[in-house]
Amino acid sequence: MVQIDNVALDFCLPNQDDVEICLRDLRGKWIVLYFYPKDSTPGCTTEACDFSDAAPDFSMLNAIIIGISADSTKKHRDFIEKKDLSVTLLSDESTSMLQEY
């Protein structure tokens, strides 16, 4: 498990468009990682919508918001389209990265 003051462990996961995103490729930016259990549930939807609403403010600070769950990339695409989200969602269907974090 990642601890405070530790360097974040590198990972590569597909985003909602099936494009692999690696943490190492985002070095130099502030990264807000948030983890959630499932797309389209009430609490997770509120969280994703709130992060999407705040995305322009984070962008002004050179920060990227990335949500991660075990849902498939297709479920992420559907969730983004249904709720008009502006955040990146990564899929860890194997949960290996989720367990490390």
PDB file of N, CA and C in Angstrom:
ATOM      1  N   MET A   1       0.839  -1.178   0.000  1.00  0.00           N
ATOM      2  CA  MET A   1       0.000   0.000   0.000  1.00  0.00           C
ATOM      3  C   MET A   1       0.887   1.245   0.000  1.00  0.00           C
ATOM      4  N   VAL A   2       0.507   2.227  -0.768  1.00  0.00           N
ATOM      5  CA  VAL A   2       1.240   3.481  -0.847  1.00  0.00           C
ATOM      6  C   VAL A   2       1.061   4.241   0.467  1.00  0.00           C
ATOM      7  N   GLN A   3       2.144   4.797   0.956  1.00  0.00           N
ATOM      8  CA  GLN A   3       2.129   5.568   2.195  1.00  0.00           C
ATOM      9  C   GLN A   3       2.393   7.039   1.896  1.00  0.00           C
ATOM     10  N   ILE A   4       2.017   7.908   2.810  1.00  0.00           N
ATOM     11  CA  ILE A   4       2.285   9.340   2.672  1.00  0.00           C
ATOM     12  C   ILE A   4       3.787   9.541   2.562  1.00  0.00           C
ATOM     13  N   ASP A   5       4.198  10.434   1.683  1.00  0.00           N
ATOM     14  CA  ASP A   5       5.597  10.785   1.408  1.00  0.00           C
ATOM     15  C   ASP A   5       6.335   9.749   0.576  1.00  0.00           C
ATOM     16  N   ASN A   6       5.688   8.658   0.184  1.00  0.00           N
ATOM     17  CA  ASN A   6       6.314   7.704  -0.722  1.00  0.00           C
ATOM     18  C   ASN A   6       6.059   8.138  -2.160  1.00  0.00           C
ATOM     19  N   VAL A   7       6.993   7.790  -3.041  1.00  0.00           N
ATOM     20  CA  VAL A   7       6.771   8.026  -4.465  1.00  0.00           C
ATOM     21  C   VAL A   7       5.684   7.056  -4.920  1.00  0.00           C
ATOM     22  N   ALA A   8       4.731   7.557  -5.673  1.00  0.00           N
ATOM     23  CA  ALA A   8       3.631   6.710  -6.153  1.00  0.00           C
ATOM     24  C   ALA A   8       4.168   5.610  -7.059  1.00  0.00           C
ATOM     25  N   LEU A   9       3.663   4.414  -6.879  1.00  0.00           N
ATOM     26  CA  LEU A   9       4.061   3.284  -7.710  1.00  0.00           C
ATOM     27  C   LEU A   9       3.580   3.505  -9.137  1.00  0.00           C
ATOM     28  N   ASP A  10       4.447   3.170 -10.095  1.00  0.00           N
ATOM     29  CA  ASP A  10       4.065   3.316 -11.493  1.00  0.00           C
ATOM     30  C   ASP A  10       3.022   2.259 -11.857  1.00  0.00           C
ATOM     31  N   PHE A  11       2.181   2.592 -12.794  1.00  0.00           N
ATOM     32  CA  PHE A  11       1.191   1.655 -13.314  1.00  0.00           C
ATOM     33  C   PHE A  11       0.820   2.086 -14.719  1.00  0.00           C
ATOM     34  N   CYS A  12       0.279   1.163 -15.477  1.00  0.00           N
ATOM     35  CA  CYS A  12      -0.274   1.432 -16.808  1.00  0.00           C
ATOM     36  C   CYS A  12      -1.639   0.750 -16.867  1.00  0.00           C
ATOM     37  N   LEU A  13      -2.658   1.524 -17.211  1.00  0.00           N
ATOM     38  CA  LEU A  13      -4.024   1.007 -17.307  1.00  0.00           C
ATOM     39  C   LEU A  13      -4.724   1.647 -18.502  1.00  0.00           C
ATOM     40  N   PRO A  14      -5.697   0.944 -19.091  1.00  0.00           N
ATOM     41  CA  PRO A  14      -6.444   1.534 -20.204  1.00  0.00           C
ATOM     42  C   PRO A  14      -7.477   2.548 -19.711  1.00  0.00           C
ATOM     43  N   ASN A  15      -7.621   3.618 -20.495  1.00  0.00           N
ATOM     44  CA  ASN A  15      -8.655   4.606 -20.163  1.00  0.00           C
ATOM     45  C   ASN A  15      -9.961   4.237 -20.861  1.00  0.00           C
ATOM     46  N   GLN A  16     -10.929   5.109 -20.767  1.00  0.00           N
ATOM     47  CA  GLN A  16     -12.259   4.861 -21.329  1.00  0.00           C
ATOM     48  C   GLN A  16     -12.240   4.681 -22.847  1.00  0.00           C
ATOM     49  N   ASP A  17     -11.161   5.139 -23.503  1.00  0.00           N
ATOM     50  CA  ASP A  17     -11.031   4.994 -24.959  1.00  0.00           C
ATOM     51  C   ASP A  17     -10.086   3.862 -25.333  1.00  0.00           C
ATOM     52  N   ASP A  18      -9.769   2.999 -24.382  1.00  0.00           N
ATOM     53  CA  ASP A  18      -8.847   1.876 -24.572  1.00  0.00           C
ATOM     54  C   ASP A  18      -7.428   2.325 -24.912  1.00  0.00           C
ATOM     55  N   VAL A  19      -7.043   3.506 -24.467  1.00  0.00           N
ATOM     56  CA  VAL A  19      -5.681   4.008 -24.637  1.00  0.00           C
ATOM     57  C   VAL A  19      -4.948   3.782 -23.320  1.00  0.00           C
ATOM     58  N   GLU A  20      -3.778   3.151 -23.400  1.00  0.00           N
ATOM     59  CA  GLU A  20      -3.016   2.886 -22.184  1.00  0.00           C
ATOM     60  C   GLU A  20      -2.431   4.177 -21.618  1.00  0.00           C
ATOM     61  N   ILE A  21      -2.675   4.402 -20.341  1.00  0.00           N
ATOM     62  CA  ILE A  21      -2.156   5.564 -19.626  1.00  0.00           C
ATOM     63  C   ILE A  21      -1.195   5.037 -18.564  1.00  0.00           C
ATOM     64  N   CYS A  22       0.037   5.558 -18.573  1.00  0.00           N
ATOM     65  CA  CYS A  22       1.039   5.164 -17.584  1.00  0.00           C
ATOM     66  C   CYS A  22       1.360   6.360 -16.701  1.00  0.00           C
ATOM     67  N   LEU A  23       1.466   6.115 -15.423  1.00  0.00           N
ATOM     68  CA  LEU A  23       1.757   7.188 -14.484  1.00  0.00           C
ATOM     69  C   LEU A  23       3.062   7.890 -14.845  1.00  0.00           C
ATOM     70  N   ARG A  24       4.077   7.135 -15.254  1.00  0.00           N
ATOM     71  CA  ARG A  24       5.382   7.727 -15.590  1.00  0.00           C
ATOM     72  C   ARG A  24       5.277   8.750 -16.720  1.00  0.00           C
ATOM     73  N   ASP A  25       4.296   8.604 -17.598  1.00  0.00           N
ATOM     74  CA  ASP A  25       4.121   9.544 -18.712  1.00  0.00           C
ATOM     75  C   ASP A  25       3.501  10.863 -18.259  1.00  0.00           C
ATOM     76  N   LEU A  26       3.021  10.911 -17.040  1.00  0.00           N
ATOM     77  CA  LEU A  26       2.368  12.115 -16.519  1.00  0.00           C
ATOM     78  C   LEU A  26       3.260  12.881 -15.546  1.00  0.00           C
ATOM     79  N   ARG A  27       4.514  12.452 -15.404  1.00  0.00           N
ATOM     80  CA  ARG A  27       5.443  13.134 -14.492  1.00  0.00           C
ATOM     81  C   ARG A  27       5.524  14.608 -14.864  1.00  0.00           C
ATOM     82  N   GLY A  28       5.652  15.444 -13.860  1.00  0.00           N
ATOM     83  CA  GLY A  28       5.716  16.885 -14.081  1.00  0.00           C
ATOM     84  C   GLY A  28       4.375  17.564 -13.900  1.00  0.00           C
ATOM     85  N   LYS A  29       3.322  16.781 -13.786  1.00  0.00           N
ATOM     86  CA  LYS A  29       1.988  17.327 -13.521  1.00  0.00           C
ATOM     87  C   LYS A  29       1.552  16.857 -12.138  1.00  0.00           C
ATOM     88  N   TRP A  30       0.689  17.622 -11.535  1.00  0.00           N
ATOM     89  CA  TRP A  30       0.033  17.160 -10.324  1.00  0.00           C
ATOM     90  C   TRP A  30      -1.052  16.183 -10.757  1.00  0.00           C
ATOM     91  N   ILE A  31      -1.189  15.099 -10.032  1.00  0.00           N
ATOM     92  CA  ILE A  31      -2.162  14.068 -10.398  1.00  0.00           C
ATOM     93  C   ILE A  31      -3.051  13.771  -9.194  1.00  0.00           C
ATOM     94  N   VAL A  32      -4.338  13.897  -9.409  1.00  0.00           N
ATOM     95  CA  VAL A  32      -5.314  13.540  -8.380  1.00  0.00           C
ATOM     96  C   VAL A  32      -5.882  12.182  -8.774  1.00  0.00           C
ATOM     97  N   LEU A  33      -5.504  11.145  -8.030  1.00  0.00           N
ATOM     98  CA  LEU A  33      -6.059   9.812  -8.254  1.00  0.00           C
ATOM     99  C   LEU A  33      -7.188   9.605  -7.254  1.00  0.00           C
ATOM    100  N   TYR A  34      -8.326   9.196  -7.771  1.00  0.00           N
ATOM    101  CA  TYR A  34      -9.387   8.808  -6.839  1.00  0.00           C
ATOM    102  C   TYR A  34      -9.887   7.430  -7.242  1.00  0.00           C
ATOM    103  N   PHE A  35     -10.193   6.658  -6.246  1.00  0.00           N
ATOM    104  CA  PHE A  35     -10.603   5.275  -6.438  1.00  0.00           C
ATOM    105  C   PHE A  35     -12.062   5.145  -6.009  1.00  0.00           C
ATOM    106  N   TYR A  36     -12.794   4.362  -6.759  1.00  0.00           N
ATOM    107  CA  TYR A  36     -14.215   4.208  -6.444  1.00  0.00           C
ATOM    108  C   TYR A  36     -14.655   2.805  -6.828  1.00  0.00           C
ATOM    109  N   PRO A  37     -15.714   2.285  -6.210  1.00  0.00           N
ATOM    110  CA  PRO A  37     -16.094   0.895  -6.431  1.00  0.00           C
ATOM    111  C   PRO A  37     -16.779   0.579  -7.754  1.00  0.00           C
ATOM    112  N   LYS A  38     -17.649   1.488  -8.253  1.00  0.00           N
ATOM    113  CA  LYS A  38     -18.445   1.080  -9.420  1.00  0.00           C
ATOM    114  C   LYS A  38     -19.067   2.290 -10.109  1.00  0.00           C
ATOM    115  N   ASP A  39     -19.037   2.265 -11.440  1.00  0.00           N
ATOM    116  CA  ASP A  39     -19.678   3.319 -12.225  1.00  0.00           C
ATOM    117  C   ASP A  39     -21.189   3.321 -11.994  1.00  0.00           C
ATOM    118  N   SER A  40     -21.766   4.511 -12.054  1.00  0.00           N
ATOM    119  CA  SER A  40     -23.219   4.716 -12.057  1.00  0.00           C
ATOM    120  C   SER A  40     -23.934   4.418 -10.744  1.00  0.00           C
ATOM    121  N   THR A  41     -23.205   4.202  -9.667  1.00  0.00           N
ATOM    122  CA  THR A  41     -23.868   4.087  -8.370  1.00  0.00           C
ATOM    123  C   THR A  41     -24.045   5.504  -7.821  1.00  0.00           C
ATOM    124  N   PRO A  42     -24.988   5.725  -6.921  1.00  0.00           N
ATOM    125  CA  PRO A  42     -25.267   7.100  -6.481  1.00  0.00           C
ATOM    126  C   PRO A  42     -24.050   7.854  -5.940  1.00  0.00           C
ATOM    127  N   GLY A  43     -23.325   7.258  -5.005  1.00  0.00           N
ATOM    128  CA  GLY A  43     -22.175   7.947  -4.420  1.00  0.00           C
ATOM    129  C   GLY A  43     -21.057   8.171  -5.419  1.00  0.00           C
ATOM    130  N   CYS A  44     -20.788   7.167  -6.241  1.00  0.00           N
ATOM    131  CA  CYS A  44     -19.717   7.276  -7.233  1.00  0.00           C
ATOM    132  C   CYS A  44     -20.072   8.285  -8.320  1.00  0.00           C
ATOM    133  N   THR A  45     -21.334   8.370  -8.668  1.00  0.00           N
ATOM    134  CA  THR A  45     -21.775   9.351  -9.657  1.00  0.00           C
ATOM    135  C   THR A  45     -21.606  10.762  -9.114  1.00  0.00           C
ATOM    136  N   THR A  46     -21.998  10.979  -7.872  1.00  0.00           N
ATOM    137  CA  THR A  46     -21.819  12.298  -7.253  1.00  0.00           C
ATOM    138  C   THR A  46     -20.348  12.685  -7.242  1.00  0.00           C
ATOM    139  N   GLU A  47     -19.501  11.752  -6.851  1.00  0.00           N
ATOM    140  CA  GLU A  47     -18.059  12.009  -6.794  1.00  0.00           C
ATOM    141  C   GLU A  47     -17.506  12.360  -8.178  1.00  0.00           C
ATOM    142  N   ALA A  48     -17.854  11.575  -9.189  1.00  0.00           N
ATOM    143  CA  ALA A  48     -17.360  11.821 -10.547  1.00  0.00           C
ATOM    144  C   ALA A  48     -17.865  13.157 -11.085  1.00  0.00           C
ATOM    145  N   CYS A  49     -19.120  13.478 -10.821  1.00  0.00           N
ATOM    146  CA  CYS A  49     -19.672  14.764 -11.274  1.00  0.00           C
ATOM    147  C   CYS A  49     -18.996  15.933 -10.560  1.00  0.00           C
ATOM    148  N   ASP A  50     -18.739  15.789  -9.265  1.00  0.00           N
ATOM    149  CA  ASP A  50     -18.055  16.852  -8.520  1.00  0.00           C
ATOM    150  C   ASP A  50     -16.638  17.063  -9.040  1.00  0.00           C
ATOM    151  N   PHE A  51     -15.915  15.975  -9.299  1.00  0.00           N
ATOM    152  CA  PHE A  51     -14.568  16.108  -9.858  1.00  0.00           C
ATOM    153  C   PHE A  51     -14.624  16.736 -11.251  1.00  0.00           C
ATOM    154  N   SER A  52     -15.606  16.362 -12.056  1.00  0.00           N
ATOM    155  CA  SER A  52     -15.743  16.959 -13.391  1.00  0.00           C
ATOM    156  C   SER A  52     -16.018  18.454 -13.301  1.00  0.00           C
ATOM    157  N   ASP A  53     -16.880  18.838 -12.371  1.00  0.00           N
ATOM    158  CA  ASP A  53     -17.175  20.263 -12.183  1.00  0.00           C
ATOM    159  C   ASP A  53     -15.931  21.036 -11.754  1.00  0.00           C
ATOM    160  N   ALA A  54     -15.074  20.402 -10.966  1.00  0.00           N
ATOM    161  CA  ALA A  54     -13.867  21.061 -10.458  1.00  0.00           C
ATOM    162  C   ALA A  54     -12.676  20.948 -11.407  1.00  0.00           C
ATOM    163  N   ALA A  55     -12.798  20.171 -12.475  1.00  0.00           N
ATOM    164  CA  ALA A  55     -11.670  19.927 -13.383  1.00  0.00           C
ATOM    165  C   ALA A  55     -11.026  21.204 -13.924  1.00  0.00           C
ATOM    166  N   PRO A  56     -11.789  22.231 -14.325  1.00  0.00           N
ATOM    167  CA  PRO A  56     -11.135  23.453 -14.813  1.00  0.00           C
ATOM    168  C   PRO A  56     -10.242  24.115 -13.755  1.00  0.00           C
ATOM    169  N   ASP A  57     -10.667  24.096 -12.510  1.00  0.00           N
ATOM    170  CA  ASP A  57      -9.852  24.664 -11.432  1.00  0.00           C
ATOM    171  C   ASP A  57      -8.565  23.865 -11.246  1.00  0.00           C
ATOM    172  N   PHE A  58      -8.674  22.548 -11.293  1.00  0.00           N
ATOM    173  CA  PHE A  58      -7.489  21.704 -11.175  1.00  0.00           C
ATOM    174  C   PHE A  58      -6.559  21.915 -12.366  1.00  0.00           C
ATOM    175  N   SER A  59      -7.128  22.046 -13.548  1.00  0.00           N
ATOM    176  CA  SER A  59      -6.333  22.264 -14.759  1.00  0.00           C
ATOM    177  C   SER A  59      -5.509  23.545 -14.665  1.00  0.00           C
ATOM    178  N   MET A  60      -6.077  24.574 -14.067  1.00  0.00           N
ATOM    179  CA  MET A  60      -5.346  25.832 -13.896  1.00  0.00           C
ATOM    180  C   MET A  60      -4.121  25.647 -12.997  1.00  0.00           C
ATOM    181  N   LEU A  61      -4.130  24.605 -12.190  1.00  0.00           N
ATOM    182  CA  LEU A  61      -3.010  24.292 -11.301  1.00  0.00           C
ATOM    183  C   LEU A  61      -2.107  23.206 -11.884  1.00  0.00           C
ATOM    184  N   ASN A  62      -2.285  22.910 -13.187  1.00  0.00           N
ATOM    185  CA  ASN A  62      -1.510  21.875 -13.870  1.00  0.00           C
ATOM    186  C   ASN A  62      -1.753  20.494 -13.244  1.00  0.00           C
ATOM    187  N   ALA A  63      -2.992  20.257 -12.850  1.00  0.00           N
ATOM    188  CA  ALA A  63      -3.354  18.983 -12.226  1.00  0.00           C
ATOM    189  C   ALA A  63      -4.360  18.231 -13.092  1.00  0.00           C
ATOM    190  N   ILE A  64      -4.205  16.923 -13.107  1.00  0.00           N
ATOM    191  CA  ILE A  64      -5.086  16.030 -13.858  1.00  0.00           C
ATOM    192  C   ILE A  64      -5.870  15.191 -12.851  1.00  0.00           C
ATOM    193  N   ILE A  65      -7.147  14.993 -13.110  1.00  0.00           N
ATOM    194  CA  ILE A  65      -7.984  14.150 -12.253  1.00  0.00           C
ATOM    195  C   ILE A  65      -8.208  12.820 -12.960  1.00  0.00           C
ATOM    196  N   ILE A  66      -7.910  11.730 -12.249  1.00  0.00           N
ATOM    197  CA  ILE A  66      -8.059  10.391 -12.812  1.00  0.00           C
ATOM    198  C   ILE A  66      -8.807   9.514 -11.816  1.00  0.00           C
ATOM    199  N   GLY A  67      -9.917   8.944 -12.270  1.00  0.00           N
ATOM    200  CA  GLY A  67     -10.671   7.993 -11.462  1.00  0.00           C
ATOM    201  C   GLY A  67     -10.327   6.572 -11.875  1.00  0.00           C
ATOM    202  N   ILE A  68     -10.253   5.682 -10.905  1.00  0.00           N
ATOM    203  CA  ILE A  68      -9.879   4.290 -11.184  1.00  0.00           C
ATOM    204  C   ILE A  68     -10.849   3.351 -10.481  1.00  0.00           C
ATOM    205  N   SER A  69     -11.337   2.383 -11.247  1.00  0.00           N
ATOM    206  CA  SER A  69     -12.175   1.327 -10.674  1.00  0.00           C
ATOM    207  C   SER A  69     -11.942   0.040 -11.458  1.00  0.00           C
ATOM    208  N   ALA A  70     -12.588  -1.021 -11.023  1.00  0.00           N
ATOM    209  CA  ALA A  70     -12.463  -2.312 -11.697  1.00  0.00           C
ATOM    210  C   ALA A  70     -13.453  -2.464 -12.850  1.00  0.00           C
ATOM    211  N   ASP A  71     -14.230  -1.434 -13.141  1.00  0.00           N
ATOM    212  CA  ASP A  71     -15.167  -1.497 -14.264  1.00  0.00           C
ATOM    213  C   ASP A  71     -14.420  -1.558 -15.595  1.00  0.00           C
ATOM    214  N   SER A  72     -15.075  -2.082 -16.612  1.00  0.00           N
ATOM    215  CA  SER A  72     -14.482  -2.188 -17.949  1.00  0.00           C
ATOM    216  C   SER A  72     -14.387  -0.814 -18.616  1.00  0.00           C
ATOM    217  N   THR A  73     -13.568  -0.739 -19.647  1.00  0.00           N
ATOM    218  CA  THR A  73     -13.451   0.521 -20.390  1.00  0.00           C
ATOM    219  C   THR A  73     -14.784   0.888 -21.035  1.00  0.00           C
ATOM    220  N   LYS A  74     -15.538  -0.104 -21.476  1.00  0.00           N
ATOM    221  CA  LYS A  74     -16.851   0.184 -22.066  1.00  0.00           C
ATOM    222  C   LYS A  74     -17.793   0.791 -21.025  1.00  0.00           C
ATOM    223  N   LYS A  75     -17.802   0.236 -19.828  1.00  0.00           N
ATOM    224  CA  LYS A  75     -18.649   0.804 -18.768  1.00  0.00           C
ATOM    225  C   LYS A  75     -18.223   2.234 -18.457  1.00  0.00           C
ATOM    226  N   HIS A  76     -16.905   2.481 -18.473  1.00  0.00           N
ATOM    227  CA  HIS A  76     -16.413   3.844 -18.252  1.00  0.00           C
ATOM    228  C   HIS A  76     -16.902   4.782 -19.357  1.00  0.00           C
ATOM    229  N   ARG A  77     -16.809   4.337 -20.608  1.00  0.00           N
ATOM    230  CA  ARG A  77     -17.289   5.160 -21.740  1.00  0.00           C
ATOM    231  C   ARG A  77     -18.762   5.502 -21.570  1.00  0.00           C
ATOM    232  N   ASP A  78     -19.552   4.487 -21.259  1.00  0.00           N
ATOM    233  CA  ASP A  78     -20.994   4.696 -21.081  1.00  0.00           C
ATOM    234  C   ASP A  78     -21.277   5.667 -19.932  1.00  0.00           C
ATOM    235  N   PHE A  79     -20.553   5.529 -18.840  1.00  0.00           N
ATOM    236  CA  PHE A  79     -20.713   6.387 -17.666  1.00  0.00           C
ATOM    237  C   PHE A  79     -20.362   7.833 -18.015  1.00  0.00           C
ATOM    238  N   ILE A  80     -19.256   8.019 -18.715  1.00  0.00           N
ATOM    239  CA  ILE A  80     -18.821   9.366 -19.117  1.00  0.00           C
ATOM    240  C   ILE A  80     -19.856  10.008 -20.032  1.00  0.00           C
ATOM    241  N   GLU A  81     -20.342   9.243 -21.007  1.00  0.00           N
ATOM    242  CA  GLU A  81     -21.336   9.789 -21.944  1.00  0.00           C
ATOM    243  C   GLU A  81     -22.659  10.100 -21.237  1.00  0.00           C
ATOM    244  N   LYS A  82     -23.101   9.202 -20.382  1.00  0.00           N
ATOM    245  CA  LYS A  82     -24.388   9.377 -19.696  1.00  0.00           C
ATOM    246  C   LYS A  82     -24.382  10.603 -18.778  1.00  0.00           C
ATOM    247  N   LYS A  83     -23.261  10.836 -18.109  1.00  0.00           N
ATOM    248  CA  LYS A  83     -23.181  11.920 -17.124  1.00  0.00           C
ATOM    249  C   LYS A  83     -22.372  13.118 -17.613  1.00  0.00           C
ATOM    250  N   ASP A  84     -21.916  13.072 -18.871  1.00  0.00           N
ATOM    251  CA  ASP A  84     -21.141  14.170 -19.462  1.00  0.00           C
ATOM    252  C   ASP A  84     -19.942  14.534 -18.577  1.00  0.00           C
ATOM    253  N   LEU A  85     -19.173  13.516 -18.213  1.00  0.00           N
ATOM    254  CA  LEU A  85     -18.020  13.711 -17.338  1.00  0.00           C
ATOM    255  C   LEU A  85     -16.817  14.211 -18.128  1.00  0.00           C
ATOM    256  N   SER A  86     -15.966  14.972 -17.458  1.00  0.00           N
ATOM    257  CA  SER A  86     -14.762  15.494 -18.115  1.00  0.00           C
ATOM    258  C   SER A  86     -13.484  14.947 -17.488  1.00  0.00           C
ATOM    259  N   VAL A  87     -13.606  13.912 -16.670  1.00  0.00           N
ATOM    260  CA  VAL A  87     -12.428  13.301 -16.059  1.00  0.00           C
ATOM    261  C   VAL A  87     -12.043  12.045 -16.830  1.00  0.00           C
ATOM    262  N   THR A  88     -10.798  11.637 -16.673  1.00  0.00           N
ATOM    263  CA  THR A  88     -10.312  10.392 -17.249  1.00  0.00           C
ATOM    264  C   THR A  88     -10.634   9.264 -16.283  1.00  0.00           C
ATOM    265  N   LEU A  89     -11.130   8.150 -16.810  1.00  0.00           N
ATOM    266  CA  LEU A  89     -11.402   6.977 -15.992  1.00  0.00           C
ATOM    267  C   LEU A  89     -10.553   5.820 -16.491  1.00  0.00           C
ATOM    268  N   LEU A  90      -9.843   5.185 -15.572  1.00  0.00           N
ATOM    269  CA  LEU A  90      -8.996   4.046 -15.913  1.00  0.00           C
ATOM    270  C   LEU A  90      -9.626   2.761 -15.401  1.00  0.00           C
ATOM    271  N   SER A  91      -9.386   1.697 -16.148  1.00  0.00           N
ATOM    272  CA  SER A  91      -9.968   0.397 -15.840  1.00  0.00           C
ATOM    273  C   SER A  91      -8.900  -0.561 -15.320  1.00  0.00           C
ATOM    274  N   ASP A  92      -9.152  -1.146 -14.158  1.00  0.00           N
ATOM    275  CA  ASP A  92      -8.274  -2.175 -13.596  1.00  0.00           C
ATOM    276  C   ASP A  92      -9.118  -3.411 -13.300  1.00  0.00           C
ATOM    277  N   GLU A  93      -9.552  -4.064 -14.371  1.00  0.00           N
ATOM    278  CA  GLU A  93     -10.440  -5.218 -14.210  1.00  0.00           C
ATOM    279  C   GLU A  93      -9.796  -6.346 -13.414  1.00  0.00           C
ATOM    280  N   SER A  94      -8.470  -6.473 -13.480  1.00  0.00           N
ATOM    281  CA  SER A  94      -7.783  -7.523 -12.718  1.00  0.00           C
ATOM    282  C   SER A  94      -7.632  -7.144 -11.244  1.00  0.00           C
ATOM    283  N   THR A  95      -7.803  -5.890 -10.926  1.00  0.00           N
ATOM    284  CA  THR A  95      -7.644  -5.271  -9.595  1.00  0.00           C
ATOM    285  C   THR A  95      -6.218  -5.335  -9.054  1.00  0.00           C
ATOM    286  N   SER A  96      -5.243  -5.689  -9.873  1.00  0.00           N
ATOM    287  CA  SER A  96      -3.863  -5.782  -9.377  1.00  0.00           C
ATOM    288  C   SER A  96      -3.329  -4.422  -8.929  1.00  0.00           C
ATOM    289  N   MET A  97      -3.584  -3.383  -9.706  1.00  0.00           N
ATOM    290  CA  MET A  97      -3.129  -2.045  -9.321  1.00  0.00           C
ATOM    291  C   MET A  97      -3.904  -1.558  -8.105  1.00  0.00           C
ATOM    292  N   LEU A  98      -5.200  -1.796  -8.102  1.00  0.00           N
ATOM    293  CA  LEU A  98      -6.031  -1.375  -6.973  1.00  0.00           C
ATOM    294  C   LEU A  98      -5.536  -2.001  -5.669  1.00  0.00           C
ATOM    295  N   GLN A  99      -5.116  -3.247  -5.729  1.00  0.00           N
ATOM    296  CA  GLN A  99      -4.611  -3.915  -4.531  1.00  0.00           C
ATOM    297  C   GLN A  99      -3.277  -3.325  -4.085  1.00  0.00           C
ATOM    298  N   GLU A 100      -2.425  -2.929  -5.035  1.00  0.00           N
ATOM    299  CA  GLU A 100      -1.141  -2.320  -4.680  1.00  0.00           C
ATOM    300  C   GLU A 100      -1.340  -0.979  -4.004  1.00  0.00           C
ATOM    301  N   TYR A 101      -2.340  -0.257  -4.447  1.00  0.00           N
ATOM    302  CA  TYR A 101      -2.602   1.060  -3.879  1.00  0.00           C
ATOM    303  C   TYR A 101      -3.486   0.966  -2.668  1.00  0.00           C
TER     304      TYR A 101
END
